[in-house]
Amino acid sequence: MGAIILTSCGFINDLVKNTFLQKLPSNFIHMNVGIITTASENKEKNHFAIKVYNDFLQMEFTNVQFLDIEKEEVNLEEFSIIYINGGNPFLFNTFFKIK
């Protein structure tokens, strides 16, 4: 299992962003990034989700995508980085069998 970084402000703070980047291997830009939007209200137009997507692109990640586990079957093991974009993460128990 990898590291877990919890933040209430995403990458808005440079200290959080730099700590996150320090935890990654040198070839991190090729890692698959999934941004889960499911637990957020108005997810289709959520400006926080759009901001974090752009933050990952500015950090030079090359494979960033939104994941809607309500509407799509998603294999989370395909992603090196999973970013949960707000909302109530306890709703995920509906979609995954969490042990």
N, C-alpha and C. Protein backbone atom coordinates (compact mmCIF):
# COMPACT_ATOMS: atom_id res chain seq x y z
N MET A 1 0.84 -1.18 0.00
CA MET A 1 0.00 0.00 0.00
C MET A 1 0.88 1.24 0.00
N GLY A 2 0.47 2.23 -0.73
CA GLY A 2 1.22 3.47 -0.83
C GLY A 2 0.85 4.45 0.27
N ALA A 3 1.33 5.64 0.12
CA ALA A 3 1.08 6.70 1.09
C ALA A 3 -0.32 7.29 0.88
N ILE A 4 -0.88 7.80 1.95
CA ILE A 4 -2.15 8.50 1.89
C ILE A 4 -1.91 9.91 2.39
N ILE A 5 -2.32 10.87 1.61
CA ILE A 5 -2.21 12.27 2.02
C ILE A 5 -3.62 12.82 2.11
N LEU A 6 -3.97 13.34 3.28
CA LEU A 6 -5.29 13.91 3.50
C LEU A 6 -5.15 15.43 3.60
N THR A 7 -5.98 16.12 2.87
CA THR A 7 -5.97 17.58 2.92
C THR A 7 -7.38 18.10 2.71
N SER A 8 -7.69 19.18 3.34
CA SER A 8 -9.02 19.77 3.14
C SER A 8 -8.98 20.86 2.09
N CYS A 9 -7.79 21.14 1.55
CA CYS A 9 -7.69 22.25 0.62
C CYS A 9 -7.04 21.86 -0.71
N GLY A 10 -6.87 20.57 -0.95
CA GLY A 10 -6.24 20.16 -2.21
C GLY A 10 -4.83 20.68 -2.31
N PHE A 11 -4.47 21.17 -3.47
CA PHE A 11 -3.12 21.67 -3.71
C PHE A 11 -3.05 23.20 -3.68
N ILE A 12 -3.99 23.84 -3.02
CA ILE A 12 -4.02 25.30 -2.97
C ILE A 12 -2.82 25.85 -2.19
N ASN A 13 -2.27 25.03 -1.30
CA ASN A 13 -1.15 25.41 -0.46
C ASN A 13 0.12 24.76 -1.02
N ASP A 14 1.16 25.54 -1.28
CA ASP A 14 2.41 25.01 -1.84
C ASP A 14 3.06 23.97 -0.94
N LEU A 15 2.92 24.10 0.36
CA LEU A 15 3.50 23.12 1.28
C LEU A 15 2.86 21.74 1.05
N VAL A 16 1.56 21.71 0.87
CA VAL A 16 0.86 20.45 0.61
C VAL A 16 1.30 19.88 -0.73
N LYS A 17 1.34 20.71 -1.75
CA LYS A 17 1.74 20.26 -3.08
C LYS A 17 3.17 19.73 -3.08
N ASN A 18 4.08 20.45 -2.44
CA ASN A 18 5.48 20.02 -2.40
C ASN A 18 5.66 18.73 -1.60
N THR A 19 4.94 18.58 -0.50
CA THR A 19 4.99 17.35 0.28
C THR A 19 4.50 16.18 -0.56
N PHE A 20 3.42 16.38 -1.28
CA PHE A 20 2.88 15.35 -2.17
C PHE A 20 3.92 14.94 -3.22
N LEU A 21 4.51 15.92 -3.88
CA LEU A 21 5.48 15.63 -4.94
C LEU A 21 6.73 14.92 -4.40
N GLN A 22 7.14 15.24 -3.19
CA GLN A 22 8.31 14.59 -2.59
C GLN A 22 8.09 13.11 -2.32
N LYS A 23 6.84 12.69 -2.18
CA LYS A 23 6.52 11.29 -1.90
C LYS A 23 6.52 10.43 -3.17
N LEU A 24 6.62 11.06 -4.32
CA LEU A 24 6.51 10.34 -5.59
C LEU A 24 7.87 9.97 -6.17
N PRO A 25 7.93 8.92 -6.99
CA PRO A 25 9.19 8.58 -7.67
C PRO A 25 9.54 9.62 -8.72
N SER A 26 10.76 9.59 -9.20
CA SER A 26 11.23 10.62 -10.14
C SER A 26 10.46 10.62 -11.46
N ASN A 27 9.92 9.49 -11.87
CA ASN A 27 9.18 9.44 -13.13
C ASN A 27 7.67 9.56 -12.91
N PHE A 28 7.28 10.33 -11.92
CA PHE A 28 5.88 10.43 -11.53
C PHE A 28 4.96 10.94 -12.63
N ILE A 29 5.47 11.71 -13.58
CA ILE A 29 4.58 12.32 -14.58
C ILE A 29 3.84 11.27 -15.41
N HIS A 30 4.34 10.04 -15.44
CA HIS A 30 3.70 8.98 -16.22
C HIS A 30 2.70 8.16 -15.39
N MET A 31 2.53 8.50 -14.13
CA MET A 31 1.59 7.77 -13.28
C MET A 31 0.16 8.11 -13.69
N ASN A 32 -0.73 7.12 -13.59
CA ASN A 32 -2.15 7.34 -13.89
C ASN A 32 -2.81 8.00 -12.69
N VAL A 33 -3.51 9.10 -12.95
CA VAL A 33 -4.20 9.84 -11.91
C VAL A 33 -5.71 9.77 -12.17
N GLY A 34 -6.45 9.33 -11.16
CA GLY A 34 -7.91 9.32 -11.25
C GLY A 34 -8.49 10.28 -10.23
N ILE A 35 -9.34 11.17 -10.70
CA ILE A 35 -10.02 12.12 -9.82
C ILE A 35 -11.46 11.64 -9.67
N ILE A 36 -11.80 11.14 -8.47
CA ILE A 36 -13.15 10.65 -8.23
C ILE A 36 -14.04 11.84 -7.88
N THR A 37 -15.08 12.02 -8.68
CA THR A 37 -15.99 13.15 -8.49
C THR A 37 -17.33 12.72 -7.92
N THR A 38 -17.54 11.43 -7.76
CA THR A 38 -18.86 10.89 -7.44
C THR A 38 -19.49 11.46 -6.19
N ALA A 39 -18.72 11.65 -5.15
CA ALA A 39 -19.29 12.07 -3.87
C ALA A 39 -19.57 13.58 -3.81
N SER A 40 -19.27 14.30 -4.87
CA SER A 40 -19.48 15.74 -4.89
C SER A 40 -20.80 16.11 -5.54
N GLU A 41 -21.45 17.10 -4.97
CA GLU A 41 -22.65 17.63 -5.62
C GLU A 41 -22.23 18.43 -6.86
N ASN A 42 -23.10 18.47 -7.83
CA ASN A 42 -22.84 19.21 -9.09
C ASN A 42 -21.50 18.82 -9.70
N LYS A 43 -21.19 17.53 -9.66
CA LYS A 43 -19.87 17.06 -10.07
C LYS A 43 -19.52 17.41 -11.50
N GLU A 44 -20.51 17.50 -12.37
CA GLU A 44 -20.22 17.79 -13.77
C GLU A 44 -19.63 19.19 -13.98
N LYS A 45 -19.98 20.11 -13.08
CA LYS A 45 -19.51 21.49 -13.21
C LYS A 45 -18.74 21.95 -11.98
N ASN A 46 -18.25 21.02 -11.21
CA ASN A 46 -17.60 21.34 -9.95
C ASN A 46 -16.26 22.05 -10.20
N HIS A 47 -16.17 23.30 -9.82
CA HIS A 47 -14.95 24.07 -10.09
C HIS A 47 -13.76 23.55 -9.29
N PHE A 48 -14.00 22.88 -8.15
CA PHE A 48 -12.89 22.29 -7.40
C PHE A 48 -12.29 21.12 -8.16
N ALA A 49 -13.13 20.32 -8.80
CA ALA A 49 -12.64 19.19 -9.60
C ALA A 49 -11.85 19.70 -10.80
N ILE A 50 -12.34 20.72 -11.44
CA ILE A 50 -11.63 21.30 -12.59
C ILE A 50 -10.30 21.89 -12.15
N LYS A 51 -10.30 22.54 -10.98
CA LYS A 51 -9.05 23.13 -10.48
C LYS A 51 -8.00 22.05 -10.20
N VAL A 52 -8.40 20.96 -9.53
CA VAL A 52 -7.41 19.94 -9.20
C VAL A 52 -6.93 19.23 -10.47
N TYR A 53 -7.81 19.08 -11.46
CA TYR A 53 -7.39 18.51 -12.76
C TYR A 53 -6.29 19.39 -13.35
N ASN A 54 -6.52 20.69 -13.36
CA ASN A 54 -5.51 21.62 -13.88
C ASN A 54 -4.25 21.64 -13.02
N ASP A 55 -4.40 21.47 -11.71
CA ASP A 55 -3.23 21.39 -10.82
C ASP A 55 -2.34 20.20 -11.20
N PHE A 56 -2.96 19.04 -11.46
CA PHE A 56 -2.17 17.86 -11.86
C PHE A 56 -1.47 18.13 -13.20
N LEU A 57 -2.16 18.78 -14.12
CA LEU A 57 -1.52 19.09 -15.41
C LEU A 57 -0.35 20.06 -15.22
N GLN A 58 -0.51 21.04 -14.35
CA GLN A 58 0.57 21.99 -14.07
C GLN A 58 1.76 21.32 -13.39
N MET A 59 1.50 20.23 -12.66
CA MET A 59 2.60 19.47 -12.05
C MET A 59 3.22 18.51 -13.07
N GLU A 60 2.75 18.57 -14.31
CA GLU A 60 3.27 17.83 -15.46
C GLU A 60 2.85 16.37 -15.53
N PHE A 61 1.77 15.98 -14.83
CA PHE A 61 1.22 14.64 -15.02
C PHE A 61 0.63 14.56 -16.42
N THR A 62 0.78 13.41 -17.07
CA THR A 62 0.34 13.28 -18.46
C THR A 62 -0.94 12.45 -18.63
N ASN A 63 -1.34 11.71 -17.60
CA ASN A 63 -2.54 10.88 -17.71
C ASN A 63 -3.45 11.14 -16.51
N VAL A 64 -4.32 12.12 -16.66
CA VAL A 64 -5.24 12.52 -15.59
C VAL A 64 -6.66 12.39 -16.13
N GLN A 65 -7.52 11.73 -15.37
CA GLN A 65 -8.91 11.60 -15.83
C GLN A 65 -9.88 11.63 -14.67
N PHE A 66 -11.09 12.07 -14.97
CA PHE A 66 -12.17 12.06 -14.00
C PHE A 66 -12.77 10.67 -13.95
N LEU A 67 -13.14 10.22 -12.75
CA LEU A 67 -13.76 8.92 -12.56
C LEU A 67 -15.11 9.13 -11.88
N ASP A 68 -16.15 8.59 -12.47
CA ASP A 68 -17.47 8.65 -11.86
C ASP A 68 -17.90 7.22 -11.60
N ILE A 69 -17.65 6.75 -10.39
CA ILE A 69 -17.91 5.36 -10.07
C ILE A 69 -19.40 5.06 -9.94
N GLU A 70 -20.24 6.11 -9.96
CA GLU A 70 -21.69 5.90 -9.98
C GLU A 70 -22.14 5.40 -11.34
N LYS A 71 -21.52 5.89 -12.39
CA LYS A 71 -21.98 5.62 -13.75
C LYS A 71 -21.05 4.71 -14.54
N GLU A 72 -19.82 4.51 -14.07
CA GLU A 72 -18.84 3.73 -14.81
C GLU A 72 -18.30 2.61 -13.92
N GLU A 73 -17.94 1.51 -14.54
CA GLU A 73 -17.22 0.48 -13.81
C GLU A 73 -15.75 0.84 -13.87
N VAL A 74 -15.14 1.05 -12.71
CA VAL A 74 -13.78 1.54 -12.63
C VAL A 74 -12.92 0.55 -11.86
N ASN A 75 -11.76 0.22 -12.41
CA ASN A 75 -10.79 -0.60 -11.70
C ASN A 75 -9.76 0.36 -11.10
N LEU A 76 -9.89 0.63 -9.82
CA LEU A 76 -9.01 1.60 -9.17
C LEU A 76 -7.56 1.14 -9.14
N GLU A 77 -7.32 -0.15 -9.32
CA GLU A 77 -5.95 -0.66 -9.32
C GLU A 77 -5.16 -0.17 -10.53
N GLU A 78 -5.85 0.36 -11.54
CA GLU A 78 -5.17 0.90 -12.72
C GLU A 78 -4.55 2.28 -12.45
N PHE A 79 -4.85 2.86 -11.30
CA PHE A 79 -4.41 4.21 -11.00
C PHE A 79 -3.39 4.21 -9.87
N SER A 80 -2.30 4.93 -10.11
CA SER A 80 -1.27 5.07 -9.08
C SER A 80 -1.67 6.11 -8.05
N ILE A 81 -2.45 7.09 -8.50
CA ILE A 81 -2.89 8.19 -7.63
C ILE A 81 -4.40 8.31 -7.77
N ILE A 82 -5.08 8.31 -6.64
CA ILE A 82 -6.53 8.50 -6.63
C ILE A 82 -6.82 9.70 -5.76
N TYR A 83 -7.48 10.68 -6.35
CA TYR A 83 -7.82 11.92 -5.66
C TYR A 83 -9.33 11.94 -5.49
N ILE A 84 -9.80 12.00 -4.24
CA ILE A 84 -11.23 12.09 -3.98
C ILE A 84 -11.57 13.57 -3.85
N ASN A 85 -12.43 14.02 -4.73
CA ASN A 85 -12.74 15.44 -4.80
C ASN A 85 -13.97 15.79 -3.97
N GLY A 86 -13.78 15.90 -2.67
CA GLY A 86 -14.84 16.38 -1.79
C GLY A 86 -16.03 15.45 -1.67
N GLY A 87 -17.08 15.95 -1.09
CA GLY A 87 -18.28 15.17 -0.90
C GLY A 87 -18.18 14.24 0.29
N ASN A 88 -19.03 13.23 0.31
CA ASN A 88 -19.10 12.30 1.42
C ASN A 88 -18.50 10.96 0.99
N PRO A 89 -17.26 10.65 1.39
CA PRO A 89 -16.63 9.41 0.95
C PRO A 89 -17.33 8.16 1.48
N PHE A 90 -18.19 8.28 2.49
CA PHE A 90 -18.91 7.11 2.98
C PHE A 90 -19.91 6.61 1.95
N LEU A 91 -20.26 7.44 0.96
CA LEU A 91 -21.13 6.99 -0.13
C LEU A 91 -20.45 5.91 -0.96
N PHE A 92 -19.13 5.82 -0.91
CA PHE A 92 -18.41 4.85 -1.72
C PHE A 92 -18.73 3.42 -1.30
N ASN A 93 -19.17 3.23 -0.08
CA ASN A 93 -19.52 1.89 0.38
C ASN A 93 -20.64 1.30 -0.49
N THR A 94 -21.43 2.15 -1.11
CA THR A 94 -22.48 1.71 -2.02
C THR A 94 -21.89 1.08 -3.27
N PHE A 95 -20.71 1.56 -3.69
CA PHE A 95 -20.13 1.14 -4.95
C PHE A 95 -19.02 0.10 -4.80
N PHE A 96 -18.38 0.07 -3.63
CA PHE A 96 -17.29 -0.85 -3.37
C PHE A 96 -17.57 -1.64 -2.11
N LYS A 97 -17.12 -2.83 -2.07
CA LYS A 97 -17.19 -3.61 -0.84
C LYS A 97 -15.94 -3.29 -0.04
N ILE A 98 -16.07 -2.34 0.86
CA ILE A 98 -14.93 -1.90 1.66
C ILE A 98 -14.80 -2.81 2.87
N LYS A 99 -13.60 -3.35 3.03
CA LYS A 99 -13.35 -4.29 4.13
C LYS A 99 -12.80 -3.56 5.33
